[in-house]
C-alpha atoms as a PDB file:
ATOM      1  CA  MET A   1     102.191 108.671 171.688  1.00  0.00           C
ATOM      2  CA  LYS A   2     100.921 109.294 168.183  1.00  0.00           C
ATOM      3  CA  LEU A   3     102.271 111.978 165.860  1.00  0.00           C
ATOM      4  CA  ILE A   4     100.439 113.094 162.748  1.00  0.00           C
ATOM      5  CA  LEU A   5     102.857 114.869 160.447  1.00  0.00           C
ATOM      6  CA  PRO A   6     102.426 116.248 156.938  1.00  0.00           C
ATOM      7  CA  SER A   7     103.266 113.968 154.022  1.00  0.00           C
ATOM      8  CA  HIS A   8     104.715 116.973 152.197  1.00  0.00           C
ATOM      9  CA  PHE A   9     105.983 120.462 153.018  1.00  0.00           C
ATOM     10  CA  ASP A  10     106.298 123.654 151.065  1.00  0.00           C
ATOM     11  CA  SER A  11     110.076 123.284 151.631  1.00  0.00           C
ATOM     12  CA  GLU A  12     111.847 120.073 150.654  1.00  0.00           C
ATOM     13  CA  VAL A  13     114.778 120.797 153.003  1.00  0.00           C
ATOM     14  CA  VAL A  14     112.445 121.229 155.988  1.00  0.00           C
ATOM     15  CA  PHE A  15     110.588 118.058 154.999  1.00  0.00           C
ATOM     16  CA  HIS A  16     113.727 115.903 154.945  1.00  0.00           C
ATOM     17  CA  ALA A  17     115.202 117.528 158.065  1.00  0.00           C
ATOM     18  CA  GLY A  18     112.061 116.564 159.973  1.00  0.00           C
ATOM     19  CA  ARG A  19     112.097 113.042 158.603  1.00  0.00           C
ATOM     20  CA  SER A  20     115.716 112.635 159.744  1.00  0.00           C
ATOM     21  CA  HIS A  21     114.294 112.108 163.262  1.00  0.00           C
ATOM     22  CA  TYR A  22     111.749 109.420 162.353  1.00  0.00           C
ATOM     23  CA  LEU A  23     113.920 106.398 163.149  1.00  0.00           C
ATOM     24  CA  ALA A  24     114.814 107.603 166.654  1.00  0.00           C
ATOM     25  CA  LEU A  25     111.154 108.365 167.340  1.00  0.00           C
ATOM     26  CA  LEU A  26     109.989 104.988 166.011  1.00  0.00           C
ATOM     27  CA  LYS A  27     112.611 103.181 168.110  1.00  0.00           C
ATOM     28  CA  ALA A  28     111.346 105.081 171.168  1.00  0.00           C
ATOM     29  CA  GLY A  29     107.837 103.733 170.550  1.00  0.00           C
ATOM     30  CA  VAL A  30     106.279 106.815 168.979  1.00  0.00           C
ATOM     31  CA  ARG A  31     103.717 105.964 166.316  1.00  0.00           C
ATOM     32  CA  ILE A  32     104.139 108.210 163.284  1.00  0.00           C
ATOM     33  CA  TYR A  33     101.460 108.917 160.704  1.00  0.00           C
ATOM     34  CA  GLU A  34     101.745 111.103 157.622  1.00  0.00           C
ATOM     35  CA  ARG A  35      98.616 113.087 156.754  1.00  0.00           C
ATOM     36  CA  GLN A  36      97.742 112.777 153.086  1.00  0.00           C
ATOM     37  CA  GLY A  37      96.241 115.526 150.953  1.00  0.00           C
ATOM     38  CA  ALA A  38      96.824 118.450 153.315  1.00  0.00           C
ATOM     39  CA  LEU A  39      99.630 120.780 154.291  1.00  0.00           C
ATOM     40  CA  LEU A  40      99.489 120.897 158.092  1.00  0.00           C
ATOM     41  CA  HIS A  41     100.646 124.033 159.869  1.00  0.00           C
ATOM     42  CA  SER A  42      98.981 124.117 163.284  1.00  0.00           C
ATOM     43  CA  LYS A  43     100.613 122.247 166.113  1.00  0.00           C
ATOM     44  CA  THR A  44      98.229 120.540 168.511  1.00  0.00           C
ATOM     45  CA  ALA A  45      98.519 118.298 171.533  1.00  0.00           C
ATOM     46  CA  LEU A  46      95.940 116.542 173.665  1.00  0.00           C
ATOM     47  CA  ILE A  47      96.628 114.808 176.971  1.00  0.00           C
ATOM     48  CA  ASP A  48      94.018 112.667 178.725  1.00  0.00           C
ATOM     49  CA  GLY A  49      91.181 114.396 176.855  1.00  0.00           C
ATOM     50  CA  LEU A  50      91.515 117.356 179.228  1.00  0.00           C
ATOM     51  CA  TRP A  51      94.681 119.354 178.454  1.00  0.00           C
ATOM     52  CA  SER A  52      94.783 120.797 174.937  1.00  0.00           C
ATOM     53  CA  CYS A  53      97.404 122.953 173.269  1.00  0.00           C
ATOM     54  CA  VAL A  54      96.985 124.640 169.885  1.00  0.00           C
ATOM     55  CA  GLY A  55      99.424 127.005 168.240  1.00  0.00           C
ATOM     56  CA  SER A  56     102.007 127.832 165.643  1.00  0.00           C
ATOM     57  CA  SER A  57     105.235 127.119 167.561  1.00  0.00           C
ATOM     58  CA  ASN A  58     107.549 124.526 166.085  1.00  0.00           C
ATOM     59  CA  LEU A  59     109.993 122.530 168.173  1.00  0.00           C
ATOM     60  CA  ASP A  60     113.014 124.142 166.560  1.00  0.00           C
ATOM     61  CA  TRP A  61     115.587 126.832 167.286  1.00  0.00           C
ATOM     62  CA  ARG A  62     114.005 129.486 165.066  1.00  0.00           C
ATOM     63  CA  SER A  63     110.641 129.207 166.817  1.00  0.00           C
ATOM     64  CA  PHE A  64     112.306 129.481 170.210  1.00  0.00           C
ATOM     65  CA  LEU A  65     114.705 132.327 169.385  1.00  0.00           C
ATOM     66  CA  ASP A  66     113.630 134.290 166.304  1.00  0.00           C
ATOM     67  CA  ASN A  67     110.059 133.753 165.137  1.00  0.00           C
ATOM     68  CA  ASP A  68     106.941 135.323 166.604  1.00  0.00           C
ATOM     69  CA  GLU A  69     104.871 132.294 167.590  1.00  0.00           C
ATOM     70  CA  ILE A  70     101.949 131.741 169.922  1.00  0.00           C
ATOM     71  CA  ASN A  71     100.242 128.761 171.530  1.00  0.00           C
ATOM     72  CA  VAL A  72      97.162 128.549 173.716  1.00  0.00           C
ATOM     73  CA  VAL A  73      96.473 125.930 176.380  1.00  0.00           C
ATOM     74  CA  VAL A  74      92.868 125.017 177.164  1.00  0.00           C
ATOM     75  CA  LEU A  75      91.807 122.904 180.136  1.00  0.00           C
ATOM     76  CA  GLY A  76      88.440 121.268 179.677  1.00  0.00           C
ATOM     77  CA  ARG A  77      86.796 118.078 178.512  1.00  0.00           C
ATOM     78  CA  GLU A  78      84.457 119.708 175.981  1.00  0.00           C
ATOM     79  CA  PHE A  79      87.319 121.318 174.059  1.00  0.00           C
ATOM     80  CA  GLY A  80      89.347 118.119 174.493  1.00  0.00           C
ATOM     81  CA  GLN A  81      86.555 116.116 172.840  1.00  0.00           C
ATOM     82  CA  GLN A  82      86.560 118.504 169.878  1.00  0.00           C
ATOM     83  CA  MET A  83      90.340 118.158 169.602  1.00  0.00           C
ATOM     84  CA  GLN A  84      90.032 114.357 169.745  1.00  0.00           C
ATOM     85  CA  ALA A  85      87.440 114.390 166.944  1.00  0.00           C
ATOM     86  CA  MET A  86      89.712 116.499 164.713  1.00  0.00           C
ATOM     87  CA  PHE A  87      92.678 114.238 165.521  1.00  0.00           C
ATOM     88  CA  ALA A  88      90.635 111.143 164.608  1.00  0.00           C
ATOM     89  CA  LYS A  89      89.591 112.739 161.305  1.00  0.00           C
ATOM     90  CA  ASP A  90      93.230 113.547 160.459  1.00  0.00           C
ATOM     91  CA  LEU A  91      94.318 110.061 161.533  1.00  0.00           C
ATOM     92  CA  ASP A  92      91.783 108.505 159.139  1.00  0.00           C
ATOM     93  CA  ALA A  93      93.397 110.478 156.295  1.00  0.00           C
ATOM     94  CA  SER A  94      96.923 109.423 157.303  1.00  0.00           C
ATOM     95  CA  VAL A  95      99.309 106.599 156.448  1.00  0.00           C
ATOM     96  CA  ALA A  96     101.195 104.831 159.251  1.00  0.00           C
ATOM     97  CA  ILE A  97     104.992 104.789 159.058  1.00  0.00           C
ATOM     98  CA  ASP A  98     106.369 101.559 160.524  1.00  0.00           C
ATOM     99  CA  GLN A  99     109.966 101.024 161.579  1.00  0.00           C
ATOM    100  CA  ALA A 100     110.693  98.026 159.344  1.00  0.00           C
ATOM    101  CA  THR A 101     109.533  99.837 156.209  1.00  0.00           C
ATOM    102  CA  TRP A 102     111.262 103.047 157.254  1.00  0.00           C
ATOM    103  CA  GLU A 103     114.587 101.254 157.701  1.00  0.00           C
ATOM    104  CA  ARG A 104     114.298  99.938 154.116  1.00  0.00           C
ATOM    105  CA  ARG A 105     113.822 103.350 152.486  1.00  0.00           C
ATOM    106  CA  SER A 106     116.086 104.232 149.580  1.00  0.00           C
ATOM    107  CA  PRO A 107     119.705 105.355 150.005  1.00  0.00           C
ATOM    108  CA  MET A 108     118.729 108.612 148.257  1.00  0.00           C
ATOM    109  CA  LEU A 109     116.207 109.392 151.003  1.00  0.00           C
ATOM    110  CA  HIS A 110     118.856 108.611 153.646  1.00  0.00           C
ATOM    111  CA  PHE A 111     121.200 111.039 151.912  1.00  0.00           C
ATOM    112  CA  LYS A 112     118.563 113.784 151.644  1.00  0.00           C
ATOM    113  CA  GLU A 113     117.688 113.426 155.338  1.00  0.00           C
ATOM    114  CA  TRP A 114     121.349 113.502 156.362  1.00  0.00           C
ATOM    115  CA  GLY A 115     122.046 116.557 154.203  1.00  0.00           C
ATOM    116  CA  ALA A 116     118.964 118.425 155.406  1.00  0.00           C
ATOM    117  CA  SER A 117     119.750 117.596 159.042  1.00  0.00           C
ATOM    118  CA  LEU A 118     123.018 119.537 158.717  1.00  0.00           C
ATOM    119  CA  TRP A 119     120.970 122.711 158.239  1.00  0.00           C
ATOM    120  CA  GLN A 120     118.246 122.154 160.829  1.00  0.00           C
ATOM    121  CA  ARG A 121     119.449 124.841 163.260  1.00  0.00           C
ATOM    122  CA  LEU A 122     118.946 127.386 160.486  1.00  0.00           C
ATOM    123  CA  LEU A 123     115.574 126.140 159.251  1.00  0.00           C
END
């Protein structure tokens, strides 16, 4: 699995709360990339070039319980190919995050991630 995530957010707390999960994801074999030069908002998924999902829903408590969010699922190879092309373009503009480098990040980043993670149910 590959995740392309933004390299910056409009909220520093949200940014660090999200990054607090990187190590667990990397240890589970997920490949993480941070998209440079863009603030990503849409959430997309593509499985086997056939099943596509595009929407605004986050995987957090507020999206599930409070926010008005919507996603659409499209079955079809033609749309899947378009999704794959957009994913490849974003991947080319992204930097890979590897586990060894991530584990050596600064103590200040550890602290920011820990502190932000305390608030993630409210974000």
